[in-house]
């Protein structure tokens, strides 16, 4: 899958499941990790800082499960960005 195809899947999934708690948009970028393996870096932007941690954890599982279902097996790194806050990185297995 291309980055744009993956982002369309990720964005639709996150809007459907997390729009009520401030999900705005996502971006996806293919990269290589430290040992040369292909990975996906997903950034999810939220407009509100009151995101329950358990729902953020669920987001990583939802993204990974949906991409695997569609045949995409690259490792995913999820970064969540909030207004006026530090970045939170979540590794997906």
N, C-alpha and C. Protein backbone atom coordinates (compact mmCIF):
# COMPACT_ATOMS: atom_id res chain seq x y z
N UNK A 1 0.84 -1.19 0.00
CA UNK A 1 0.00 0.00 0.00
C UNK A 1 0.89 1.25 0.00
N UNK A 2 0.40 2.29 -0.65
CA UNK A 2 1.13 3.56 -0.64
C UNK A 2 0.81 4.33 0.64
N UNK A 3 1.62 5.34 0.92
CA UNK A 3 1.36 6.18 2.09
C UNK A 3 -0.02 6.82 2.03
N UNK A 4 -0.42 7.29 0.84
CA UNK A 4 -1.74 7.92 0.69
C UNK A 4 -2.86 6.91 0.92
N UNK A 5 -2.72 5.69 0.41
CA UNK A 5 -3.73 4.66 0.64
C UNK A 5 -3.84 4.32 2.13
N UNK A 6 -2.68 4.20 2.78
CA UNK A 6 -2.67 3.90 4.21
C UNK A 6 -3.29 5.04 5.00
N UNK A 7 -2.95 6.28 4.64
CA UNK A 7 -3.51 7.42 5.35
C UNK A 7 -5.02 7.50 5.17
N UNK A 8 -5.54 7.15 4.01
CA UNK A 8 -6.99 7.15 3.81
C UNK A 8 -7.65 6.16 4.77
N UNK A 9 -7.07 4.98 4.92
CA UNK A 9 -7.60 3.97 5.84
C UNK A 9 -7.51 4.46 7.28
N UNK A 10 -6.33 4.96 7.66
CA UNK A 10 -6.09 5.42 9.03
C UNK A 10 -7.00 6.59 9.36
N UNK A 11 -7.08 7.57 8.49
CA UNK A 11 -7.88 8.76 8.74
C UNK A 11 -9.36 8.41 8.90
N UNK A 12 -9.88 7.57 8.04
CA UNK A 12 -11.29 7.17 8.13
C UNK A 12 -11.55 6.43 9.43
N UNK A 13 -10.66 5.52 9.78
CA UNK A 13 -10.80 4.75 11.02
C UNK A 13 -10.76 5.68 12.24
N UNK A 14 -9.81 6.58 12.29
CA UNK A 14 -9.68 7.48 13.43
C UNK A 14 -10.83 8.48 13.51
N UNK A 15 -11.30 8.98 12.37
CA UNK A 15 -12.46 9.88 12.40
C UNK A 15 -13.68 9.16 12.95
N UNK A 16 -13.90 7.94 12.49
CA UNK A 16 -15.06 7.17 12.91
C UNK A 16 -15.01 6.85 14.41
N UNK A 17 -13.84 6.48 14.90
CA UNK A 17 -13.74 6.02 16.28
C UNK A 17 -13.35 7.10 17.29
N UNK A 18 -12.70 8.16 16.82
CA UNK A 18 -12.16 9.14 17.76
C UNK A 18 -12.55 10.58 17.43
N UNK A 19 -13.42 10.77 16.46
CA UNK A 19 -13.88 12.12 16.12
C UNK A 19 -14.57 12.80 17.29
N UNK A 20 -15.25 12.02 18.11
CA UNK A 20 -15.96 12.59 19.26
C UNK A 20 -15.04 13.10 20.35
N UNK A 21 -13.77 12.74 20.30
CA UNK A 21 -12.82 13.21 21.31
C UNK A 21 -11.72 14.06 20.69
N UNK A 22 -12.01 14.64 19.52
CA UNK A 22 -11.13 15.65 18.99
C UNK A 22 -10.15 15.25 17.90
N UNK A 23 -10.30 14.07 17.28
CA UNK A 23 -9.40 13.72 16.18
C UNK A 23 -9.63 14.69 15.03
N UNK A 24 -8.53 15.25 14.48
CA UNK A 24 -8.61 16.18 13.36
C UNK A 24 -8.13 15.58 12.05
N UNK A 25 -6.89 15.06 12.06
CA UNK A 25 -6.33 14.52 10.81
C UNK A 25 -5.13 13.64 11.12
N UNK A 26 -4.71 12.92 10.10
CA UNK A 26 -3.53 12.07 10.24
C UNK A 26 -2.62 12.24 9.05
N UNK A 27 -1.37 11.86 9.24
CA UNK A 27 -0.40 11.78 8.14
C UNK A 27 0.33 10.45 8.27
N UNK A 28 0.80 9.95 7.14
CA UNK A 28 1.55 8.69 7.11
C UNK A 28 2.79 8.91 6.27
N UNK A 29 3.91 8.39 6.75
CA UNK A 29 5.17 8.50 6.02
C UNK A 29 5.92 7.18 6.13
N UNK A 30 6.33 6.63 4.99
CA UNK A 30 7.17 5.43 4.98
C UNK A 30 8.60 5.83 5.28
N UNK A 31 9.24 5.05 6.14
CA UNK A 31 10.63 5.31 6.52
C UNK A 31 11.34 3.98 6.71
N UNK A 32 12.64 4.07 6.97
CA UNK A 32 13.42 2.89 7.34
C UNK A 32 13.83 3.05 8.79
N UNK A 33 13.79 1.93 9.53
CA UNK A 33 14.24 2.00 10.92
C UNK A 33 15.75 1.85 10.98
N UNK A 34 16.28 1.74 12.18
CA UNK A 34 17.72 1.71 12.39
C UNK A 34 18.43 0.55 11.70
N UNK A 35 17.72 -0.54 11.44
CA UNK A 35 18.36 -1.69 10.79
C UNK A 35 17.95 -1.84 9.33
N UNK A 36 17.31 -0.81 8.77
CA UNK A 36 16.97 -0.82 7.35
C UNK A 36 15.62 -1.42 7.01
N UNK A 37 14.84 -1.82 8.01
CA UNK A 37 13.50 -2.37 7.76
C UNK A 37 12.52 -1.23 7.46
N UNK A 38 11.60 -1.49 6.55
CA UNK A 38 10.59 -0.50 6.20
C UNK A 38 9.55 -0.40 7.31
N UNK A 39 9.23 0.83 7.72
CA UNK A 39 8.23 1.08 8.75
C UNK A 39 7.27 2.16 8.28
N UNK A 40 6.19 2.33 9.02
CA UNK A 40 5.24 3.40 8.77
C UNK A 40 5.19 4.31 9.99
N UNK A 41 5.29 5.61 9.75
CA UNK A 41 5.16 6.57 10.83
C UNK A 41 3.83 7.29 10.65
N UNK A 42 2.90 7.04 11.58
CA UNK A 42 1.57 7.64 11.55
C UNK A 42 1.51 8.72 12.62
N UNK A 43 1.07 9.91 12.22
CA UNK A 43 0.87 11.01 13.16
C UNK A 43 -0.62 11.33 13.20
N UNK A 44 -1.20 11.25 14.39
CA UNK A 44 -2.62 11.58 14.59
C UNK A 44 -2.70 12.89 15.36
N UNK A 45 -3.40 13.86 14.79
CA UNK A 45 -3.54 15.17 15.43
C UNK A 45 -4.93 15.30 16.05
N UNK A 46 -4.92 15.73 17.31
CA UNK A 46 -6.15 15.93 18.06
C UNK A 46 -6.25 17.40 18.44
N UNK A 47 -7.48 17.93 18.51
CA UNK A 47 -7.67 19.34 18.84
C UNK A 47 -7.97 19.55 20.31
N UNK A 48 -7.86 18.50 21.10
CA UNK A 48 -8.23 18.60 22.50
C UNK A 48 -7.30 17.71 23.30
N UNK A 49 -6.95 18.17 24.46
CA UNK A 49 -5.99 17.43 25.29
C UNK A 49 -6.66 16.45 26.24
N UNK A 50 -7.98 16.41 26.26
CA UNK A 50 -8.71 15.54 27.18
C UNK A 50 -8.99 14.18 26.55
N UNK A 51 -7.96 13.57 26.03
CA UNK A 51 -8.08 12.26 25.39
C UNK A 51 -7.79 11.18 26.42
N UNK A 52 -8.77 10.32 26.71
CA UNK A 52 -8.52 9.24 27.68
C UNK A 52 -7.42 8.31 27.19
N UNK A 53 -6.49 8.00 28.06
CA UNK A 53 -5.33 7.16 27.69
C UNK A 53 -5.76 5.83 27.12
N UNK A 54 -6.80 5.22 27.68
CA UNK A 54 -7.22 3.91 27.19
C UNK A 54 -7.73 3.99 25.75
N UNK A 55 -8.31 5.11 25.35
CA UNK A 55 -8.76 5.25 23.97
C UNK A 55 -7.58 5.44 23.03
N UNK A 56 -6.54 6.11 23.49
CA UNK A 56 -5.33 6.26 22.68
C UNK A 56 -4.65 4.91 22.48
N UNK A 57 -4.61 4.11 23.52
CA UNK A 57 -4.05 2.76 23.41
C UNK A 57 -4.87 1.94 22.42
N UNK A 58 -6.20 2.06 22.49
CA UNK A 58 -7.06 1.34 21.55
C UNK A 58 -6.77 1.77 20.11
N UNK A 59 -6.42 3.03 19.89
CA UNK A 59 -6.15 3.53 18.54
C UNK A 59 -5.02 2.75 17.89
N UNK A 60 -3.97 2.48 18.64
CA UNK A 60 -2.85 1.75 18.05
C UNK A 60 -3.24 0.34 17.65
N UNK A 61 -4.06 -0.30 18.47
CA UNK A 61 -4.54 -1.65 18.13
C UNK A 61 -5.45 -1.61 16.91
N UNK A 62 -6.33 -0.63 16.86
CA UNK A 62 -7.26 -0.50 15.73
C UNK A 62 -6.52 -0.30 14.41
N UNK A 63 -5.53 0.58 14.41
CA UNK A 63 -4.77 0.85 13.19
C UNK A 63 -4.03 -0.39 12.74
N UNK A 64 -3.32 -1.00 13.64
CA UNK A 64 -2.52 -2.19 13.29
C UNK A 64 -3.40 -3.31 12.77
N UNK A 65 -4.51 -3.58 13.45
CA UNK A 65 -5.42 -4.65 13.03
C UNK A 65 -6.00 -4.40 11.64
N UNK A 66 -6.41 -3.16 11.39
CA UNK A 66 -7.00 -2.83 10.08
C UNK A 66 -5.97 -2.93 8.97
N UNK A 67 -4.76 -2.46 9.20
CA UNK A 67 -3.74 -2.54 8.16
C UNK A 67 -3.34 -3.98 7.87
N UNK A 68 -3.23 -4.80 8.90
CA UNK A 68 -2.92 -6.23 8.68
C UNK A 68 -4.04 -6.88 7.88
N UNK A 69 -5.29 -6.56 8.23
CA UNK A 69 -6.44 -7.12 7.50
C UNK A 69 -6.37 -6.79 6.01
N UNK A 70 -5.78 -5.65 5.69
CA UNK A 70 -5.67 -5.22 4.29
C UNK A 70 -4.35 -5.63 3.65
N UNK A 71 -3.55 -6.43 4.37
CA UNK A 71 -2.32 -6.96 3.80
C UNK A 71 -1.08 -6.13 4.06
N UNK A 72 -1.18 -5.07 4.85
CA UNK A 72 -0.03 -4.22 5.15
C UNK A 72 0.61 -4.69 6.45
N UNK A 73 1.84 -5.18 6.37
CA UNK A 73 2.46 -5.79 7.54
C UNK A 73 3.64 -4.99 8.10
N UNK A 74 3.92 -3.82 7.54
CA UNK A 74 5.03 -3.03 8.08
C UNK A 74 4.73 -2.58 9.51
N UNK A 75 5.79 -2.47 10.29
CA UNK A 75 5.68 -2.00 11.68
C UNK A 75 5.20 -0.56 11.67
N UNK A 76 4.32 -0.22 12.59
CA UNK A 76 3.75 1.12 12.66
C UNK A 76 4.18 1.83 13.94
N UNK A 77 4.64 3.06 13.78
CA UNK A 77 4.89 3.94 14.91
C UNK A 77 3.79 4.99 14.90
N UNK A 78 3.07 5.12 16.01
CA UNK A 78 1.99 6.09 16.12
C UNK A 78 2.44 7.24 17.01
N UNK A 79 2.34 8.44 16.49
CA UNK A 79 2.62 9.65 17.25
C UNK A 79 1.33 10.44 17.35
N UNK A 80 0.97 10.83 18.56
CA UNK A 80 -0.22 11.65 18.77
C UNK A 80 0.23 13.07 19.09
N UNK A 81 -0.40 14.03 18.44
CA UNK A 81 -0.07 15.43 18.68
C UNK A 81 -1.32 16.16 19.17
N UNK A 82 -1.10 16.98 20.18
CA UNK A 82 -2.16 17.74 20.81
C UNK A 82 -1.77 19.22 20.80
N UNK A 83 -2.74 20.12 20.87
CA UNK A 83 -2.39 21.54 20.91
C UNK A 83 -1.62 21.87 22.19
N UNK A 84 -0.51 22.53 22.03
CA UNK A 84 0.28 23.03 23.16
C UNK A 84 0.72 21.92 24.11
N UNK A 85 1.08 20.77 23.55
CA UNK A 85 1.51 19.66 24.42
C UNK A 85 2.71 18.96 23.80
N UNK A 86 3.40 18.20 24.62
CA UNK A 86 4.52 17.38 24.15
C UNK A 86 3.98 16.25 23.29
N UNK A 87 4.82 15.69 22.43
CA UNK A 87 4.47 14.58 21.57
C UNK A 87 4.50 13.27 22.35
N UNK A 88 3.54 12.38 22.06
CA UNK A 88 3.51 11.06 22.66
C UNK A 88 3.71 10.05 21.56
N UNK A 89 4.73 9.20 21.67
CA UNK A 89 5.00 8.15 20.69
C UNK A 89 4.55 6.81 21.26
N UNK A 90 3.86 6.03 20.43
CA UNK A 90 3.40 4.71 20.83
C UNK A 90 3.89 3.73 19.77
N UNK A 91 4.65 2.71 20.16
CA UNK A 91 5.12 1.70 19.23
C UNK A 91 4.04 0.65 19.06
N UNK A 92 3.79 0.25 17.81
CA UNK A 92 2.82 -0.79 17.53
C UNK A 92 3.55 -2.05 17.13
N UNK A 93 3.13 -3.15 17.65
CA UNK A 93 3.75 -4.42 17.29
C UNK A 93 2.93 -5.12 16.25
